Amino acid sequence: MASIHAEPPSSFASTYGALLIGVAFAIFFQGTLTVQAFTYYDSFPNDKLRLKALVAMVYILDLAHLIVIFRGVYSVLVSNWGSVSYLQGFPTFTILHGMLTVVVRILIQAFFMNRIWIMSRKNVKVLIALLLIIVLPVGFEIFAVLNCLARGVVGDRLYHNPQAGALFISTSITDMALALTMCYYLRREISVFSTTNNIIRKCVHMIFGTGLATALIALSSAIAFYVRMDALYFLAIYFQLARTYSNALLASLNARQRMREMMSDTLPPGSLHFAQTAKTTDSEKEVGNIFQARQGIVDLERNSILNQEVGLSDSVSSRVDTQCTGNCSEKI
């Protein structure tokens, strides 16, 4: 190791100093993710095994990502402090960071794509369009990592190239596209007669907020990249992307508890009832009955979609379906 008295590069503050701050924020977000993961396993012990496995896998990958970037920055600031040759080589942890980010991104976007597939009633065209958008940032990052591995170079050439800007911008566009698509299909279920409108609106706000968070991380990385290409501010911001995805996933899953409570509180004993008086004619009664039956069918479809998003318990879901189908059969 070089002498401890060796002078570090003058740009140290804007490179590894920025990465050190990025690691500090990553530790904070990992703590938030830990709390959310604990809340999830405590609140939803009966969730499907594949969902529990997804949460565990994402958490482990994020923890590994934190260890990688912490170890990388530590090696520069402590283990190889003052070693100019080491700084010029740029540690390989940036490659591992990129690989882990890609895996987390694919897992979580696949989860949200599955929700869109359900809410769109298996619309193949929508799914293909979103897949074409999603594959762009994933392709950019995989290309950058493989290119560095093939040439035996790391760091500067991993992110200091035109693909980096395209990666950040396409990531931002992809996240907003997913969030807006989910919001569209949820808002499409809103009806003045539905008792679940308030829950749907809350779901829309939550999905848009989490999608906006990941999009802003990527957009901030793009801005920092183009403003200061000689610094590593953009990489410090990009360190947060994987954990932001994971926090968005767990926030979505944990929100089901509150949504279930709201659904239980707002379930009516029946669907919609028209007031009938002694002057109400038989034809008017028949029109009202037919309208109620049709509204019951619409509510049944809407609640089926909402169940996928909110994750209602079997008992609550059964109550919703029974009330809707019961009202339909009685009126028809």
Protein backbone atom coordinates (compact mmCIF):
# COMPACT_ATOMS: atom_id res chain seq x y z
CA MET A 1 0.00 0.00 0.00
CA ALA A 2 1.25 3.50 -0.74
CA SER A 3 2.42 5.81 2.01
CA ILE A 4 -0.30 7.26 4.18
CA HIS A 5 1.15 10.71 3.48
CA ALA A 6 0.48 10.44 -0.24
CA GLU A 7 -1.76 13.20 -1.55
CA PRO A 8 -5.10 12.09 -2.96
CA PRO A 9 -6.38 13.57 -6.21
CA SER A 10 -7.82 17.09 -6.03
CA SER A 11 -11.17 15.85 -7.33
CA PHE A 12 -11.57 13.41 -4.45
CA ALA A 13 -14.52 15.28 -2.90
CA SER A 14 -16.60 15.14 -6.08
CA THR A 15 -15.83 11.48 -6.75
CA TYR A 16 -15.32 9.21 -3.76
CA GLY A 17 -16.57 11.86 -1.36
CA ALA A 18 -19.86 11.81 -3.25
CA LEU A 19 -19.91 8.00 -3.20
CA LEU A 20 -19.38 8.03 0.58
CA ILE A 21 -22.47 10.20 0.99
CA GLY A 22 -24.31 7.87 -1.38
CA VAL A 23 -23.41 4.88 0.81
CA ALA A 24 -24.69 6.75 3.89
CA PHE A 25 -28.06 7.28 2.22
CA ALA A 26 -28.08 3.65 1.09
CA ILE A 27 -27.66 2.53 4.71
CA PHE A 28 -30.64 4.69 5.70
CA PHE A 29 -32.84 3.25 2.94
CA GLN A 30 -31.74 -0.27 3.86
CA GLY A 31 -32.90 0.42 7.41
CA THR A 32 -36.26 1.58 6.09
CA LEU A 33 -36.46 -1.56 3.97
CA THR A 34 -35.68 -3.71 7.02
CA VAL A 35 -38.57 -2.16 8.96
CA GLN A 36 -40.92 -2.67 6.02
CA ALA A 37 -39.84 -6.29 5.57
CA PHE A 38 -40.42 -7.01 9.27
CA THR A 39 -43.85 -5.36 9.07
CA TYR A 40 -44.73 -7.43 6.02
CA TYR A 41 -43.86 -10.82 7.54
CA ASP A 42 -45.58 -9.86 10.79
CA SER A 43 -48.79 -8.60 9.15
CA PHE A 44 -49.19 -11.15 6.35
CA PRO A 45 -48.14 -14.59 7.62
CA ASN A 46 -50.67 -16.27 5.32
CA ASP A 47 -49.45 -14.73 2.07
CA LYS A 48 -48.52 -17.04 -0.78
CA LEU A 49 -45.09 -18.61 -0.57
CA ARG A 50 -43.93 -17.09 -3.86
CA LEU A 51 -44.71 -13.60 -2.56
CA LYS A 52 -42.80 -14.22 0.66
CA ALA A 53 -39.90 -15.61 -1.38
CA LEU A 54 -39.91 -12.50 -3.59
CA VAL A 55 -39.67 -10.21 -0.56
CA ALA A 56 -36.87 -12.31 0.95
CA MET A 57 -34.94 -12.42 -2.33
CA VAL A 58 -35.24 -8.68 -2.90
CA TYR A 59 -34.12 -7.93 0.66
CA ILE A 60 -31.09 -10.23 0.39
CA LEU A 61 -30.09 -8.70 -2.96
CA ASP A 62 -30.34 -5.19 -1.54
CA LEU A 63 -28.29 -6.18 1.48
CA ALA A 64 -25.66 -7.69 -0.83
CA HIS A 65 -25.71 -4.49 -2.87
CA LEU A 66 -25.12 -2.41 0.27
CA ILE A 67 -22.19 -4.63 1.29
CA VAL A 68 -20.68 -4.33 -2.19
CA ILE A 69 -20.79 -0.54 -2.40
CA PHE A 70 -19.71 -0.13 1.24
CA ARG A 71 -16.75 -2.45 0.71
CA GLY A 72 -15.83 -0.66 -2.51
CA VAL A 73 -15.78 2.81 -0.99
CA TYR A 74 -14.01 1.48 2.13
CA SER A 75 -11.27 -0.02 -0.02
CA VAL A 76 -10.58 3.39 -1.55
CA LEU A 77 -10.82 5.52 1.58
CA VAL A 78 -9.10 3.10 3.99
CA SER A 79 -7.47 -0.01 2.54
CA ASN A 80 -5.89 1.72 -0.46
CA TRP A 81 -5.81 5.30 0.75
CA GLY A 82 -3.39 7.36 -1.29
CA SER A 83 -2.76 4.66 -3.87
CA VAL A 84 -2.93 6.59 -7.14
CA SER A 85 -2.70 3.43 -9.24
CA TYR A 86 -5.69 1.95 -7.42
CA LEU A 87 -7.72 5.11 -7.95
CA GLN A 88 -6.86 5.17 -11.64
CA GLY A 89 -7.98 1.57 -11.99
CA PHE A 90 -11.31 2.29 -10.29
CA PRO A 91 -12.58 -0.62 -8.16
CA THR A 92 -14.74 -3.35 -9.63
CA PHE A 93 -17.59 -2.78 -7.17
CA THR A 94 -19.35 -0.58 -9.74
CA ILE A 95 -19.81 -3.63 -11.96
CA LEU A 96 -21.34 -5.64 -9.11
CA HIS A 97 -23.53 -2.65 -8.27
CA GLY A 98 -24.85 -2.63 -11.83
CA MET A 99 -25.51 -6.37 -11.90
CA LEU A 100 -27.40 -6.38 -8.59
CA THR A 101 -29.45 -3.34 -9.61
CA VAL A 102 -30.49 -5.10 -12.83
CA VAL A 103 -31.66 -8.21 -10.96
CA VAL A 104 -33.68 -6.22 -8.42
CA ARG A 105 -35.19 -4.11 -11.19
CA ILE A 106 -36.27 -7.19 -13.18
CA LEU A 107 -37.85 -8.90 -10.16
CA ILE A 108 -39.89 -5.91 -9.02
CA GLN A 109 -40.95 -4.75 -12.46
CA ALA A 110 -42.09 -8.31 -13.20
CA PHE A 111 -44.25 -8.14 -10.06
CA PHE A 112 -45.91 -4.91 -11.16
CA MET A 113 -46.26 -6.19 -14.72
CA ASN A 114 -48.21 -9.13 -13.35
CA ARG A 115 -50.57 -6.72 -11.61
CA ILE A 116 -51.08 -4.79 -14.82
CA TRP A 117 -51.73 -8.08 -16.65
CA ILE A 118 -54.51 -8.85 -14.15
CA MET A 119 -56.01 -5.35 -14.02
CA SER A 120 -56.03 -5.04 -17.82
CA ARG A 121 -57.89 -8.36 -18.01
CA LYS A 122 -54.93 -9.97 -19.79
CA ASN A 123 -54.48 -7.34 -22.47
CA VAL A 124 -51.62 -8.70 -24.56
CA LYS A 125 -51.03 -5.46 -26.48
CA VAL A 126 -50.53 -3.47 -23.28
CA LEU A 127 -48.17 -6.10 -21.92
CA ILE A 128 -46.04 -6.18 -25.07
CA ALA A 129 -45.85 -2.37 -25.23
CA LEU A 130 -44.66 -2.18 -21.62
CA LEU A 131 -42.16 -4.99 -22.14
CA LEU A 132 -40.62 -3.08 -25.05
CA ILE A 133 -40.21 -0.05 -22.80
CA ILE A 134 -38.86 -2.03 -19.85
CA VAL A 135 -36.23 -3.87 -21.89
CA LEU A 136 -34.44 -0.62 -22.84
CA PRO A 137 -32.87 0.35 -19.48
CA VAL A 138 -32.20 -3.28 -18.61
CA GLY A 139 -30.47 -3.73 -21.95
CA PHE A 140 -28.37 -0.59 -21.50
CA GLU A 141 -27.13 -1.70 -18.09
CA ILE A 142 -26.44 -5.29 -19.12
CA PHE A 143 -24.54 -4.04 -22.19
CA ALA A 144 -22.40 -1.71 -20.07
CA VAL A 145 -21.53 -4.47 -17.58
CA LEU A 146 -20.74 -7.08 -20.26
CA ASN A 147 -18.69 -4.56 -22.23
CA CYS A 148 -16.52 -3.82 -19.21
CA LEU A 149 -16.10 -7.50 -18.36
CA ALA A 150 -15.06 -8.31 -21.93
CA ARG A 151 -12.51 -5.50 -22.15
CA GLY A 152 -11.20 -5.89 -18.64
CA VAL A 153 -11.93 -2.28 -17.77
CA VAL A 154 -14.18 -0.95 -15.06
CA GLY A 155 -15.48 2.14 -13.41
CA ASP A 156 -14.97 5.12 -15.69
CA ARG A 157 -15.92 3.20 -18.83
CA LEU A 158 -18.83 1.54 -17.11
CA TYR A 159 -20.75 4.75 -16.55
CA HIS A 160 -18.75 7.52 -18.24
CA ASN A 161 -20.13 6.81 -21.69
CA PRO A 162 -23.19 7.78 -23.76
CA GLN A 163 -25.08 4.67 -22.65
CA ALA A 164 -25.15 5.96 -19.07
CA GLY A 165 -27.31 8.97 -19.91
CA ALA A 166 -29.63 6.80 -21.98
CA LEU A 167 -29.80 4.30 -19.10
CA PHE A 168 -30.93 6.91 -16.57
CA ILE A 169 -33.46 8.59 -18.86
CA SER A 170 -34.99 5.32 -20.08
CA THR A 171 -35.25 4.10 -16.48
CA SER A 172 -37.19 7.22 -15.52
CA ILE A 173 -39.54 6.83 -18.49
CA THR A 174 -40.09 3.14 -17.75
CA ASP A 175 -40.99 3.70 -14.10
CA MET A 176 -43.49 6.43 -14.93
CA ALA A 177 -45.01 4.31 -17.71
CA LEU A 178 -45.62 1.43 -15.30
CA ALA A 179 -47.06 3.70 -12.61
CA LEU A 180 -49.35 5.59 -14.99
CA THR A 181 -50.60 2.36 -16.58
CA MET A 182 -51.55 0.93 -13.19
CA CYS A 183 -53.20 4.21 -12.21
CA TYR A 184 -55.18 4.22 -15.46
CA TYR A 185 -56.61 0.75 -14.94
CA LEU A 186 -57.47 1.49 -11.32
CA ARG A 187 -59.16 4.80 -12.10
CA ARG A 188 -61.12 3.12 -14.87
CA GLU A 189 -62.96 1.18 -12.16
CA ILE A 190 -64.22 4.32 -10.41
CA SER A 191 -68.00 4.75 -10.47
CA VAL A 192 -70.31 7.10 -8.61
CA PHE A 193 -72.17 4.02 -7.38
CA SER A 194 -69.13 2.09 -6.13
CA THR A 195 -68.44 1.85 -2.41
CA THR A 196 -64.74 1.24 -3.13
CA ASN A 197 -63.95 4.55 -4.82
CA ASN A 198 -62.08 5.97 -1.85
CA ILE A 199 -59.89 2.88 -1.68
CA ILE A 200 -59.19 3.01 -5.40
CA ARG A 201 -58.12 6.64 -5.13
CA LYS A 202 -55.77 5.83 -2.28
CA CYS A 203 -54.28 2.99 -4.34
CA VAL A 204 -53.77 5.38 -7.25
CA HIS A 205 -52.03 7.94 -5.03
CA MET A 206 -49.76 5.31 -3.52
CA ILE A 207 -48.82 3.75 -6.88
CA PHE A 208 -48.17 7.12 -8.48
CA GLY A 209 -46.08 8.22 -5.50
CA THR A 210 -43.87 5.13 -5.48
CA GLY A 211 -43.48 5.20 -9.26
CA LEU A 212 -42.59 8.87 -9.11
CA ALA A 213 -39.94 8.19 -6.45
CA THR A 214 -38.02 5.69 -8.58
CA ALA A 215 -38.43 7.89 -11.67
CA LEU A 216 -37.02 10.90 -9.81
CA ILE A 217 -33.99 8.89 -8.65
CA ALA A 218 -33.20 7.95 -12.25
CA LEU A 219 -33.94 11.46 -13.54
CA SER A 220 -31.70 13.01 -10.86
CA SER A 221 -28.92 10.64 -11.90
CA ALA A 222 -29.33 11.76 -15.51
CA ILE A 223 -29.19 15.45 -14.56
CA ALA A 224 -26.11 14.94 -12.37
CA PHE A 225 -24.48 12.91 -15.15
CA TYR A 226 -24.85 15.61 -17.80
CA VAL A 227 -24.08 18.53 -15.46
CA ARG A 228 -20.92 17.02 -13.91
CA MET A 229 -19.61 14.19 -16.07
CA ASP A 230 -16.21 14.51 -14.41
CA ALA A 231 -17.71 13.71 -10.98
CA LEU A 232 -19.55 10.74 -9.47
CA TYR A 233 -22.60 12.49 -8.07
CA PHE A 234 -24.76 10.62 -10.55
CA LEU A 235 -23.46 7.26 -9.33
CA ALA A 236 -24.05 8.21 -5.69
CA ILE A 237 -27.68 8.95 -6.56
CA TYR A 238 -27.97 5.79 -8.65
CA PHE A 239 -26.86 3.74 -5.63
CA GLN A 240 -30.34 4.39 -4.20
CA LEU A 241 -32.35 3.02 -7.12
CA ALA A 242 -32.47 -0.67 -6.17
CA ARG A 243 -33.58 0.08 -2.61
CA THR A 244 -36.16 2.57 -3.86
CA TYR A 245 -37.66 -0.19 -6.01
CA SER A 246 -37.71 -2.55 -3.04
CA ASN A 247 -39.26 0.02 -0.72
CA ALA A 248 -41.93 0.68 -3.35
CA LEU A 249 -42.71 -3.04 -3.50
CA LEU A 250 -43.01 -3.42 0.26
CA ALA A 251 -44.97 -0.19 0.64
CA SER A 252 -47.46 -1.58 -1.86
CA LEU A 253 -47.73 -4.89 -0.03
CA ASN A 254 -47.95 -3.40 3.46
CA ALA A 255 -50.62 -0.89 2.42
CA ARG A 256 -53.02 -3.81 2.02
CA GLN A 257 -53.60 -3.91 5.78
CA ARG A 258 -55.07 -0.41 5.83
CA MET A 259 -56.98 -1.07 2.61
CA ARG A 260 -58.52 -4.21 4.07
CA GLU A 261 -59.71 -2.29 7.10
CA MET A 262 -61.23 0.38 4.88
CA MET A 263 -62.92 -2.24 2.71
CA SER A 264 -64.38 -3.99 5.74
CA ASP A 265 -65.70 -0.71 7.12
CA THR A 266 -67.29 0.43 3.85
CA LEU A 267 -68.94 -2.82 2.70
CA PRO A 268 -72.70 -2.17 2.56
CA PRO A 269 -75.36 -4.74 3.46
CA GLY A 270 -76.60 -4.52 -0.13
CA SER A 271 -75.80 -2.83 -3.37
CA LEU A 272 -77.90 0.16 -4.41
CA HIS A 273 -81.56 0.45 -3.43
CA PHE A 274 -84.11 2.72 -5.10
CA ALA A 275 -86.75 4.31 -2.92
CA GLN A 276 -90.18 3.01 -3.82
CA THR A 277 -93.45 4.65 -2.84
CA ALA A 278 -97.09 3.73 -3.27
CA LYS A 279 -97.10 5.70 -6.52
CA THR A 280 -94.20 3.79 -8.04
CA THR A 281 -95.45 1.93 -11.10
CA ASP A 282 -94.59 -1.66 -11.94
CA SER A 283 -92.53 -0.55 -14.96
CA GLU A 284 -90.52 1.87 -12.80
CA LYS A 285 -89.87 -0.89 -10.29
CA GLU A 286 -88.70 -3.18 -13.07
CA VAL A 287 -86.32 -0.53 -14.45
CA GLY A 288 -84.88 -0.03 -10.97
CA ASN A 289 -84.42 -3.77 -10.48
CA ILE A 290 -82.64 -4.18 -13.81
CA PHE A 291 -80.37 -1.22 -13.06
CA GLN A 292 -79.50 -2.68 -9.66
CA ALA A 293 -78.72 -6.05 -11.23
CA ARG A 294 -76.41 -4.49 -13.81
CA GLN A 295 -74.73 -2.37 -11.16
CA GLY A 296 -74.18 -5.50 -9.09
CA ILE A 297 -72.36 -7.15 -11.98
CA VAL A 298 -70.17 -4.06 -12.46
CA ASP A 299 -69.38 -3.99 -8.73
CA LEU A 300 -68.47 -7.67 -8.84
CA GLU A 301 -65.96 -7.08 -11.65
CA ARG A 302 -64.60 -3.97 -9.96
CA ASN A 303 -64.15 -5.71 -6.64
CA SER A 304 -62.43 -8.62 -8.36
CA ILE A 305 -59.81 -6.23 -9.75
CA LEU A 306 -59.53 -4.38 -6.46
CA ASN A 307 -58.97 -7.66 -4.64
CA GLN A 308 -55.86 -8.19 -6.75
CA GLU A 309 -54.52 -4.77 -5.83
CA VAL A 310 -55.56 -4.57 -2.19
CA GLY A 311 -55.13 -8.25 -1.35
CA LEU A 312 -58.36 -8.75 0.55
CA SER A 313 -58.61 -11.58 3.00
CA ASP A 314 -60.75 -14.52 1.94
CA SER A 315 -63.53 -13.62 4.36
CA VAL A 316 -63.81 -10.01 3.20
CA SER A 317 -63.50 -10.97 -0.47
CA SER A 318 -66.23 -13.57 0.01
CA ARG A 319 -68.51 -10.95 1.53
CA VAL A 320 -67.99 -8.64 -1.44
CA ASP A 321 -68.64 -11.33 -4.04
CA THR A 322 -71.63 -12.78 -2.18
CA GLN A 323 -73.30 -9.39 -1.83
CA CYS A 324 -72.78 -8.53 -5.49
CA THR A 325 -73.88 -11.89 -6.88
CA GLY A 326 -76.72 -12.13 -4.40
CA ASN A 327 -78.14 -8.78 -5.41
CA CYS A 328 -77.78 -9.65 -9.09
CA SER A 329 -79.60 -12.97 -8.77
CA GLU A 330 -82.40 -11.46 -6.71
CA LYS A 331 -83.08 -8.69 -9.19
CA ILE A 332 -82.74 -10.81 -12.31
